[in-house]
Amino acid sequence: NNNNNNNSVDDNDIKPKPTAIPSLEKQFSGESKKNPTKGLVRIVLYSDGFTVNGGQFRAVEGDKDNKSFVTALLNGKVPQELVTMANGNKLDVDLEDLRPRLGSVKPHYL
């Protein structure tokens, strides 16, 4: 069971900071080959990390920035990286949650 949420961020929802994150700049600028639509960000959550626009897997364990990104999402907040990349413009987020559901996996002893 996938949980797809489309959340929209507009000028009233964000206050951009002047610093950019170079590794994400291409992904969020709409220049990514996997996501040519400007202003659309696709995030896929896994049990141990996430991807952004089909890019490199980003593990949560041992990386405070990645953990902060996921924590913000799970708390219904916009991660600072997305705020920065939106740069005051509208940014649509397609979030796919592929984390295992509690009770969906049988215990190993059954």
C-alpha atoms as a PDB file:
ATOM      1  CA  ASN A   1       0.000   0.000   0.000  1.00  0.00           C
ATOM      2  CA  ASN A   2       1.672   3.162  -1.179  1.00  0.00           C
ATOM      3  CA  ASN A   3       0.754   6.453   0.402  1.00  0.00           C
ATOM      4  CA  ASN A   4       1.087   9.220  -2.172  1.00  0.00           C
ATOM      5  CA  ASN A   5       0.701  12.774  -0.964  1.00  0.00           C
ATOM      6  CA  ASN A   6       0.883  15.830  -3.173  1.00  0.00           C
ATOM      7  CA  ASN A   7       1.822  18.850  -1.120  1.00  0.00           C
ATOM      8  CA  SER A   8       2.229  22.305  -2.589  1.00  0.00           C
ATOM      9  CA  VAL A   9       4.492  24.984  -1.176  1.00  0.00           C
ATOM     10  CA  ASP A  10       3.964  28.565  -2.246  1.00  0.00           C
ATOM     11  CA  ASP A  11       5.402  31.978  -1.401  1.00  0.00           C
ATOM     12  CA  ASN A  12       3.296  32.243   1.744  1.00  0.00           C
ATOM     13  CA  ASP A  13       4.550  28.922   3.150  1.00  0.00           C
ATOM     14  CA  ILE A  14       8.309  29.430   2.934  1.00  0.00           C
ATOM     15  CA  LYS A  15      10.999  31.905   3.849  1.00  0.00           C
ATOM     16  CA  PRO A  16      14.051  30.992   1.721  1.00  0.00           C
ATOM     17  CA  LYS A  17      17.576  31.293   3.050  1.00  0.00           C
ATOM     18  CA  PRO A  18      20.313  32.543   0.730  1.00  0.00           C
ATOM     19  CA  THR A  19      22.429  29.379   0.873  1.00  0.00           C
ATOM     20  CA  ALA A  20      21.951  26.654  -1.726  1.00  0.00           C
ATOM     21  CA  ILE A  21      22.852  22.997  -1.520  1.00  0.00           C
ATOM     22  CA  PRO A  22      24.863  22.299  -4.696  1.00  0.00           C
ATOM     23  CA  SER A  23      24.260  18.538  -4.722  1.00  0.00           C
ATOM     24  CA  LEU A  24      20.504  19.109  -4.916  1.00  0.00           C
ATOM     25  CA  GLU A  25      20.524  22.193  -7.119  1.00  0.00           C
ATOM     26  CA  LYS A  26      20.275  20.279 -10.407  1.00  0.00           C
ATOM     27  CA  GLN A  27      17.605  17.940  -9.023  1.00  0.00           C
ATOM     28  CA  PHE A  28      15.358  20.783  -7.887  1.00  0.00           C
ATOM     29  CA  SER A  29      15.941  23.109 -10.832  1.00  0.00           C
ATOM     30  CA  GLY A  30      13.960  20.860 -13.159  1.00  0.00           C
ATOM     31  CA  GLU A  31      17.068  19.926 -15.158  1.00  0.00           C
ATOM     32  CA  SER A  32      17.115  16.344 -13.928  1.00  0.00           C
ATOM     33  CA  LYS A  33      16.630  13.836 -16.746  1.00  0.00           C
ATOM     34  CA  LYS A  34      14.386  11.783 -14.475  1.00  0.00           C
ATOM     35  CA  ASN A  35      12.165  14.737 -13.603  1.00  0.00           C
ATOM     36  CA  PRO A  36      12.056  17.374 -16.335  1.00  0.00           C
ATOM     37  CA  THR A  37       9.072  19.221 -14.823  1.00  0.00           C
ATOM     38  CA  LYS A  38      10.285  22.445 -13.234  1.00  0.00           C
ATOM     39  CA  GLY A  39       9.055  22.918  -9.690  1.00  0.00           C
ATOM     40  CA  LEU A  40       8.156  19.264  -9.089  1.00  0.00           C
ATOM     41  CA  VAL A  41      10.103  17.227  -6.550  1.00  0.00           C
ATOM     42  CA  ARG A  42       9.558  13.489  -6.127  1.00  0.00           C
ATOM     43  CA  ILE A  43      10.660  12.029  -2.793  1.00  0.00           C
ATOM     44  CA  VAL A  44      10.544   8.306  -2.055  1.00  0.00           C
ATOM     45  CA  LEU A  45      10.879   7.277   1.601  1.00  0.00           C
ATOM     46  CA  TYR A  46      12.318   3.880   2.522  1.00  0.00           C
ATOM     47  CA  SER A  47      12.795   2.340   5.971  1.00  0.00           C
ATOM     48  CA  ASP A  48      16.454   3.419   6.086  1.00  0.00           C
ATOM     49  CA  GLY A  49      16.607   6.471   3.830  1.00  0.00           C
ATOM     50  CA  PHE A  50      15.157   8.237   0.803  1.00  0.00           C
ATOM     51  CA  THR A  51      15.724   9.411  -2.752  1.00  0.00           C
ATOM     52  CA  VAL A  52      14.966  12.752  -4.362  1.00  0.00           C
ATOM     53  CA  ASN A  53      13.929  12.810  -8.029  1.00  0.00           C
ATOM     54  CA  GLY A  54      15.312   9.308  -8.546  1.00  0.00           C
ATOM     55  CA  GLY A  55      18.778  10.438  -7.498  1.00  0.00           C
ATOM     56  CA  GLN A  56      21.300   8.751  -5.239  1.00  0.00           C
ATOM     57  CA  PHE A  57      19.947   6.902  -2.182  1.00  0.00           C
ATOM     58  CA  ARG A  58      20.469   8.981   0.963  1.00  0.00           C
ATOM     59  CA  ALA A  59      20.785   6.931   4.148  1.00  0.00           C
ATOM     60  CA  VAL A  60      19.369   8.363   7.357  1.00  0.00           C
ATOM     61  CA  GLU A  61      21.620   6.418   9.736  1.00  0.00           C
ATOM     62  CA  GLY A  62      24.760   8.382  10.518  1.00  0.00           C
ATOM     63  CA  ASP A  63      23.856  11.502   8.523  1.00  0.00           C
ATOM     64  CA  LYS A  64      22.273  14.293  10.538  1.00  0.00           C
ATOM     65  CA  ASP A  65      21.206  16.313   7.465  1.00  0.00           C
ATOM     66  CA  ASN A  66      19.401  13.343   5.914  1.00  0.00           C
ATOM     67  CA  LYS A  67      17.811  12.479   9.251  1.00  0.00           C
ATOM     68  CA  SER A  68      16.653  16.087   9.661  1.00  0.00           C
ATOM     69  CA  PHE A  69      15.158  15.993   6.126  1.00  0.00           C
ATOM     70  CA  VAL A  70      13.090  12.869   6.898  1.00  0.00           C
ATOM     71  CA  THR A  71      12.127  14.077  10.373  1.00  0.00           C
ATOM     72  CA  ALA A  72      10.760  17.306   8.894  1.00  0.00           C
ATOM     73  CA  LEU A  73       8.715  15.350   6.320  1.00  0.00           C
ATOM     74  CA  LEU A  74       7.312  12.993   8.941  1.00  0.00           C
ATOM     75  CA  ASN A  75       6.320  15.958  11.114  1.00  0.00           C
ATOM     76  CA  GLY A  76       4.455  17.594   8.232  1.00  0.00           C
ATOM     77  CA  LYS A  77       7.116  20.284   7.785  1.00  0.00           C
ATOM     78  CA  VAL A  78       8.984  21.379   4.678  1.00  0.00           C
ATOM     79  CA  PRO A  79      12.643  20.299   4.871  1.00  0.00           C
ATOM     80  CA  GLN A  80      15.047  23.238   4.762  1.00  0.00           C
ATOM     81  CA  GLU A  81      16.639  21.866   1.584  1.00  0.00           C
ATOM     82  CA  LEU A  82      13.320  22.187  -0.241  1.00  0.00           C
ATOM     83  CA  VAL A  83      12.768  25.689   1.107  1.00  0.00           C
ATOM     84  CA  THR A  84      16.201  26.695  -0.150  1.00  0.00           C
ATOM     85  CA  MET A  85      15.698  25.181  -3.574  1.00  0.00           C
ATOM     86  CA  ALA A  86      12.218  26.688  -3.996  1.00  0.00           C
ATOM     87  CA  ASN A  87      13.870  30.109  -3.702  1.00  0.00           C
ATOM     88  CA  GLY A  88      10.537  31.787  -3.062  1.00  0.00           C
ATOM     89  CA  ASN A  89       8.774  30.000  -5.914  1.00  0.00           C
ATOM     90  CA  LYS A  90       6.054  27.360  -5.879  1.00  0.00           C
ATOM     91  CA  LEU A  91       7.375  23.827  -5.410  1.00  0.00           C
ATOM     92  CA  ASP A  92       5.153  20.759  -5.779  1.00  0.00           C
ATOM     93  CA  VAL A  93       6.186  17.698  -3.781  1.00  0.00           C
ATOM     94  CA  ASP A  94       5.199  14.148  -4.697  1.00  0.00           C
ATOM     95  CA  LEU A  95       5.925  11.995  -1.642  1.00  0.00           C
ATOM     96  CA  GLU A  96       5.831   8.210  -1.870  1.00  0.00           C
ATOM     97  CA  ASP A  97       6.162   6.393   1.443  1.00  0.00           C
ATOM     98  CA  LEU A  98       7.549   2.866   0.949  1.00  0.00           C
ATOM     99  CA  ARG A  99       8.408   2.270   4.585  1.00  0.00           C
ATOM    100  CA  PRO A 100       7.055  -1.027   5.969  1.00  0.00           C
ATOM    101  CA  ARG A 101       3.744  -0.714   7.773  1.00  0.00           C
ATOM    102  CA  LEU A 102       3.468  -1.907  11.340  1.00  0.00           C
ATOM    103  CA  GLY A 103       1.834  -5.316  11.218  1.00  0.00           C
ATOM    104  CA  SER A 104       2.436  -5.793   7.498  1.00  0.00           C
ATOM    105  CA  VAL A 105       5.502  -7.994   8.009  1.00  0.00           C
ATOM    106  CA  LYS A 106       5.181 -11.370   9.712  1.00  0.00           C
ATOM    107  CA  PRO A 107       7.557 -11.939  12.606  1.00  0.00           C
ATOM    108  CA  HIS A 108      10.358 -14.330  11.660  1.00  0.00           C
ATOM    109  CA  TYR A 109       9.186 -16.957  14.159  1.00  0.00           C
ATOM    110  CA  LEU A 110       5.778 -17.495  12.460  1.00  0.00           C
END
